[in-house]
Amino acid sequence: MMLEKIIALSRKSSPWVAHFNSGGCNACDIEVMATLTPRFDVERFGIQLKGSPRHADILICTGPVTAQIRERLLRVYHQMPAPKYIVAVGSCALSGGVFHDCYNVLGGVDRVLPVDVYVPGCPPRPDAIIAGIVKVLQKMESDALELADYRQASAAGGGTTHVHLQ
């Protein structure tokens, strides 16, 4: 299925990202926005910031997850089309950071969503955020090619896969 491989590679060439801030001190948000400026030029990877999660391939999360924001974060995640990738940026998004002992903080983003790439730092530098996004792009490509190869193999074998459980 050459067409599926072309679609997979084109999806990797123009990922759209959405940014979700769940609170904190906003230092990571400033660094994420700095990453999107011409100085760091993430558009060379085809990355565009979108305001709606319905159009995004990658969700960049900053800040600790609180009890109040948990449902909103889940709603944003479920609005994204599949396949979806999550990048946790900053110490707060990884573990709750300096807010981890607060009564309303649940912890990092991975307590609520499946995180694909972690970018540590308080705040992480824009080049670290770019490196994290590049890792997501590599994951997008490998996942898409694996799916295309699986579909091709199942089509060649009659489309039926038998699984034997013991």
C-alpha atoms as a PDB file:
ATOM      1  CA  MET A   1       0.000   0.000   0.000  1.00  0.00           C
ATOM      2  CA  MET A   2       2.161   2.788  -1.285  1.00  0.00           C
ATOM      3  CA  LEU A   3      -0.611   5.344  -0.843  1.00  0.00           C
ATOM      4  CA  GLU A   4      -0.784   4.733   2.924  1.00  0.00           C
ATOM      5  CA  LYS A   5       2.978   5.197   3.244  1.00  0.00           C
ATOM      6  CA  ILE A   6       2.767   8.480   1.331  1.00  0.00           C
ATOM      7  CA  ILE A   7      -0.039   9.671   3.611  1.00  0.00           C
ATOM      8  CA  ALA A   8       1.979   8.658   6.672  1.00  0.00           C
ATOM      9  CA  LEU A   9       5.053  10.534   5.516  1.00  0.00           C
ATOM     10  CA  SER A  10       3.046  13.611   4.565  1.00  0.00           C
ATOM     11  CA  ARG A  11       1.392  13.647   7.995  1.00  0.00           C
ATOM     12  CA  LYS A  12       4.844  13.646   9.579  1.00  0.00           C
ATOM     13  CA  SER A  13       5.929  16.498   7.306  1.00  0.00           C
ATOM     14  CA  SER A  14       3.234  18.919   8.477  1.00  0.00           C
ATOM     15  CA  PRO A  15       2.196  18.271  12.075  1.00  0.00           C
ATOM     16  CA  TRP A  16      -0.133  20.717  13.751  1.00  0.00           C
ATOM     17  CA  VAL A  17       0.233  21.304  17.468  1.00  0.00           C
ATOM     18  CA  ALA A  18      -2.126  22.550  20.136  1.00  0.00           C
ATOM     19  CA  HIS A  19      -0.888  23.987  23.406  1.00  0.00           C
ATOM     20  CA  PHE A  20      -2.635  23.298  26.717  1.00  0.00           C
ATOM     21  CA  ASN A  21      -1.634  25.134  29.891  1.00  0.00           C
ATOM     22  CA  SER A  22      -3.029  23.562  33.033  1.00  0.00           C
ATOM     23  CA  GLY A  23      -1.609  26.143  35.409  1.00  0.00           C
ATOM     24  CA  GLY A  24       1.684  26.771  37.111  1.00  0.00           C
ATOM     25  CA  CYS A  25       3.987  29.733  36.794  1.00  0.00           C
ATOM     26  CA  ASN A  26       3.741  30.046  32.974  1.00  0.00           C
ATOM     27  CA  ALA A  27       7.514  29.947  32.414  1.00  0.00           C
ATOM     28  CA  CYS A  28       7.116  26.829  30.252  1.00  0.00           C
ATOM     29  CA  ASP A  29       4.399  28.563  28.245  1.00  0.00           C
ATOM     30  CA  ILE A  30       6.785  31.400  27.472  1.00  0.00           C
ATOM     31  CA  GLU A  31       9.406  28.897  26.310  1.00  0.00           C
ATOM     32  CA  VAL A  32       6.869  27.029  24.139  1.00  0.00           C
ATOM     33  CA  MET A  33       5.848  30.325  22.527  1.00  0.00           C
ATOM     34  CA  ALA A  34       9.530  31.225  22.059  1.00  0.00           C
ATOM     35  CA  THR A  35       9.973  27.899  20.281  1.00  0.00           C
ATOM     36  CA  LEU A  36       7.349  28.954  17.746  1.00  0.00           C
ATOM     37  CA  THR A  37       9.059  32.274  16.929  1.00  0.00           C
ATOM     38  CA  PRO A  38      11.243  32.807  13.845  1.00  0.00           C
ATOM     39  CA  ARG A  39      14.387  32.708  15.999  1.00  0.00           C
ATOM     40  CA  PHE A  40      14.025  28.951  16.564  1.00  0.00           C
ATOM     41  CA  ASP A  41      12.053  28.333  13.348  1.00  0.00           C
ATOM     42  CA  VAL A  42      10.098  25.140  14.049  1.00  0.00           C
ATOM     43  CA  GLU A  43       8.250  25.774  10.804  1.00  0.00           C
ATOM     44  CA  ARG A  44      11.219  24.136   9.088  1.00  0.00           C
ATOM     45  CA  PHE A  45       9.667  20.889  10.368  1.00  0.00           C
ATOM     46  CA  GLY A  46       6.254  21.958   9.051  1.00  0.00           C
ATOM     47  CA  ILE A  47       4.930  22.593  12.565  1.00  0.00           C
ATOM     48  CA  GLN A  48       2.045  25.012  12.958  1.00  0.00           C
ATOM     49  CA  LEU A  49       0.281  26.071  16.132  1.00  0.00           C
ATOM     50  CA  LYS A  50      -3.487  25.582  15.965  1.00  0.00           C
ATOM     51  CA  GLY A  51      -6.001  26.997  18.382  1.00  0.00           C
ATOM     52  CA  SER A  52      -8.352  24.042  18.133  1.00  0.00           C
ATOM     53  CA  PRO A  53      -7.487  20.511  19.265  1.00  0.00           C
ATOM     54  CA  ARG A  54      -9.789  19.187  16.523  1.00  0.00           C
ATOM     55  CA  HIS A  55      -7.085  20.037  13.988  1.00  0.00           C
ATOM     56  CA  ALA A  56      -4.019  19.077  16.022  1.00  0.00           C
ATOM     57  CA  ASP A  57      -1.795  16.017  15.742  1.00  0.00           C
ATOM     58  CA  ILE A  58       0.331  16.852  18.799  1.00  0.00           C
ATOM     59  CA  LEU A  59      -0.795  18.220  22.161  1.00  0.00           C
ATOM     60  CA  ILE A  60       1.875  20.129  24.091  1.00  0.00           C
ATOM     61  CA  CYS A  61       0.975  20.187  27.792  1.00  0.00           C
ATOM     62  CA  THR A  62       2.525  22.481  30.385  1.00  0.00           C
ATOM     63  CA  GLY A  63       1.838  22.857  34.092  1.00  0.00           C
ATOM     64  CA  PRO A  64       0.666  20.436  36.773  1.00  0.00           C
ATOM     65  CA  VAL A  65      -2.663  18.653  36.422  1.00  0.00           C
ATOM     66  CA  THR A  66      -5.088  19.843  39.078  1.00  0.00           C
ATOM     67  CA  ALA A  67      -8.411  18.343  40.101  1.00  0.00           C
ATOM     68  CA  GLN A  68     -10.171  21.311  38.510  1.00  0.00           C
ATOM     69  CA  ILE A  69      -8.406  21.059  35.134  1.00  0.00           C
ATOM     70  CA  ARG A  70      -8.473  17.243  34.760  1.00  0.00           C
ATOM     71  CA  GLU A  71     -11.846  17.078  32.982  1.00  0.00           C
ATOM     72  CA  ARG A  72     -10.937  19.916  30.617  1.00  0.00           C
ATOM     73  CA  LEU A  73      -7.686  18.217  29.700  1.00  0.00           C
ATOM     74  CA  LEU A  74      -9.514  14.965  28.983  1.00  0.00           C
ATOM     75  CA  ARG A  75     -12.075  16.816  26.858  1.00  0.00           C
ATOM     76  CA  VAL A  76      -9.307  18.443  24.798  1.00  0.00           C
ATOM     77  CA  TYR A  77      -7.597  15.060  24.378  1.00  0.00           C
ATOM     78  CA  HIS A  78     -10.790  13.374  23.172  1.00  0.00           C
ATOM     79  CA  GLN A  79     -11.412  16.175  20.668  1.00  0.00           C
ATOM     80  CA  MET A  80      -8.148  15.402  18.883  1.00  0.00           C
ATOM     81  CA  PRO A  81      -8.262  13.126  15.832  1.00  0.00           C
ATOM     82  CA  ALA A  82      -6.402   9.813  15.959  1.00  0.00           C
ATOM     83  CA  PRO A  83      -3.505   9.190  15.960  1.00  0.00           C
ATOM     84  CA  LYS A  84      -2.700  11.720  18.666  1.00  0.00           C
ATOM     85  CA  TYR A  85       0.581  12.383  20.421  1.00  0.00           C
ATOM     86  CA  ILE A  86       1.203  14.087  23.775  1.00  0.00           C
ATOM     87  CA  VAL A  87       4.313  16.040  24.789  1.00  0.00           C
ATOM     88  CA  ALA A  88       4.717  16.943  28.475  1.00  0.00           C
ATOM     89  CA  VAL A  89       6.881  20.062  28.784  1.00  0.00           C
ATOM     90  CA  GLY A  90       8.491  21.149  32.053  1.00  0.00           C
ATOM     91  CA  SER A  91       8.907  19.712  35.521  1.00  0.00           C
ATOM     92  CA  CYS A  92       5.319  20.509  36.493  1.00  0.00           C
ATOM     93  CA  ALA A  93       3.907  18.568  33.541  1.00  0.00           C
ATOM     94  CA  LEU A  94       6.200  15.637  34.321  1.00  0.00           C
ATOM     95  CA  SER A  95       5.616  15.279  38.053  1.00  0.00           C
ATOM     96  CA  GLY A  96       3.717  18.241  39.447  1.00  0.00           C
ATOM     97  CA  GLY A  97       6.985  20.106  40.008  1.00  0.00           C
ATOM     98  CA  VAL A  98       7.094  22.546  42.886  1.00  0.00           C
ATOM     99  CA  PHE A  99       3.318  22.175  43.231  1.00  0.00           C
ATOM    100  CA  HIS A 100       3.365  18.389  43.843  1.00  0.00           C
ATOM    101  CA  ASP A 101       2.422  18.677  47.526  1.00  0.00           C
ATOM    102  CA  CYS A 102      -0.532  21.012  46.963  1.00  0.00           C
ATOM    103  CA  TYR A 103      -3.942  19.662  47.942  1.00  0.00           C
ATOM    104  CA  ASN A 104      -5.468  20.050  44.480  1.00  0.00           C
ATOM    105  CA  VAL A 105      -2.553  18.823  42.334  1.00  0.00           C
ATOM    106  CA  LEU A 106      -2.951  15.306  40.966  1.00  0.00           C
ATOM    107  CA  GLY A 107       0.574  15.179  39.541  1.00  0.00           C
ATOM    108  CA  GLY A 108       1.970  15.184  36.033  1.00  0.00           C
ATOM    109  CA  VAL A 109       0.131  14.866  32.748  1.00  0.00           C
ATOM    110  CA  ASP A 110       0.831  11.117  32.657  1.00  0.00           C
ATOM    111  CA  ARG A 111      -1.615  10.664  35.540  1.00  0.00           C
ATOM    112  CA  VAL A 112      -4.406  11.560  33.101  1.00  0.00           C
ATOM    113  CA  LEU A 113      -3.132  11.032  29.532  1.00  0.00           C
ATOM    114  CA  PRO A 114      -0.689   8.669  27.810  1.00  0.00           C
ATOM    115  CA  VAL A 115       2.416  10.814  27.307  1.00  0.00           C
ATOM    116  CA  ASP A 116       4.663  10.038  24.332  1.00  0.00           C
ATOM    117  CA  VAL A 117       7.574  12.397  25.015  1.00  0.00           C
ATOM    118  CA  TYR A 118       8.765  14.064  28.221  1.00  0.00           C
ATOM    119  CA  VAL A 119      10.749  17.320  28.052  1.00  0.00           C
ATOM    120  CA  PRO A 120      12.271  17.992  31.510  1.00  0.00           C
ATOM    121  CA  GLY A 121      13.386  21.355  32.820  1.00  0.00           C
ATOM    122  CA  CYS A 122      12.137  24.289  34.824  1.00  0.00           C
ATOM    123  CA  PRO A 123      11.623  25.818  32.358  1.00  0.00           C
ATOM    124  CA  PRO A 124      13.039  23.754  29.489  1.00  0.00           C
ATOM    125  CA  ARG A 125      14.954  25.632  26.842  1.00  0.00           C
ATOM    126  CA  PRO A 126      13.381  26.002  23.383  1.00  0.00           C
ATOM    127  CA  ASP A 127      16.019  23.708  21.865  1.00  0.00           C
ATOM    128  CA  ALA A 128      14.992  20.963  24.314  1.00  0.00           C
ATOM    129  CA  ILE A 129      11.348  21.438  23.323  1.00  0.00           C
ATOM    130  CA  ILE A 130      12.333  21.205  19.650  1.00  0.00           C
ATOM    131  CA  ALA A 131      14.264  17.984  20.375  1.00  0.00           C
ATOM    132  CA  GLY A 132      11.154  16.568  22.052  1.00  0.00           C
ATOM    133  CA  ILE A 133       8.971  17.481  19.086  1.00  0.00           C
ATOM    134  CA  VAL A 134      11.492  15.878  16.715  1.00  0.00           C
ATOM    135  CA  LYS A 135      11.221  12.663  18.781  1.00  0.00           C
ATOM    136  CA  VAL A 136       7.448  12.798  18.361  1.00  0.00           C
ATOM    137  CA  LEU A 137       7.889  13.255  14.605  1.00  0.00           C
ATOM    138  CA  GLN A 138      10.109  10.160  14.500  1.00  0.00           C
ATOM    139  CA  LYS A 139       7.499   8.247  16.494  1.00  0.00           C
ATOM    140  CA  MET A 140       4.764   9.445  14.128  1.00  0.00           C
ATOM    141  CA  GLU A 141       6.699   8.162  11.140  1.00  0.00           C
ATOM    142  CA  SER A 142       7.513   4.770  12.657  1.00  0.00           C
ATOM    143  CA  ASP A 143       3.923   4.264  13.898  1.00  0.00           C
ATOM    144  CA  ALA A 144       2.478   5.186  10.515  1.00  0.00           C
ATOM    145  CA  LEU A 145       4.847   2.913   8.604  1.00  0.00           C
ATOM    146  CA  GLU A 146       4.141   0.016  10.979  1.00  0.00           C
ATOM    147  CA  LEU A 147       0.411   0.502  10.457  1.00  0.00           C
ATOM    148  CA  ALA A 148       0.839   0.617   6.681  1.00  0.00           C
ATOM    149  CA  ASP A 149       2.967  -2.563   6.734  1.00  0.00           C
ATOM    150  CA  TYR A 150       0.395  -4.302   8.972  1.00  0.00           C
ATOM    151  CA  ARG A 151      -2.431  -3.372   6.619  1.00  0.00           C
ATOM    152  CA  GLN A 152      -0.428  -4.540   3.634  1.00  0.00           C
ATOM    153  CA  ALA A 153       0.373  -7.873   5.304  1.00  0.00           C
ATOM    154  CA  SER A 154      -3.228  -8.453   6.350  1.00  0.00           C
ATOM    155  CA  ALA A 155      -4.448  -7.600   2.838  1.00  0.00           C
ATOM    156  CA  ALA A 156      -2.003 -10.063   1.314  1.00  0.00           C
ATOM    157  CA  GLY A 157      -3.072 -12.793   3.762  1.00  0.00           C
ATOM    158  CA  GLY A 158      -6.759 -12.455   2.995  1.00  0.00           C
ATOM    159  CA  GLY A 159      -7.416  -9.755   5.549  1.00  0.00           C
ATOM    160  CA  THR A 160      -7.989 -12.152   8.429  1.00  0.00           C
ATOM    161  CA  THR A 161      -5.704 -12.411  11.418  1.00  0.00           C
ATOM    162  CA  HIS A 162      -6.199 -15.325  13.779  1.00  0.00           C
ATOM    163  CA  VAL A 163      -5.245 -14.972  17.400  1.00  0.00           C
ATOM    164  CA  HIS A 164      -5.056 -18.089  19.554  1.00  0.00           C
ATOM    165  CA  LEU A 165      -5.574 -17.539  23.251  1.00  0.00           C
ATOM    166  CA  GLN A 166      -4.450 -20.133  25.742  1.00  0.00           C
END
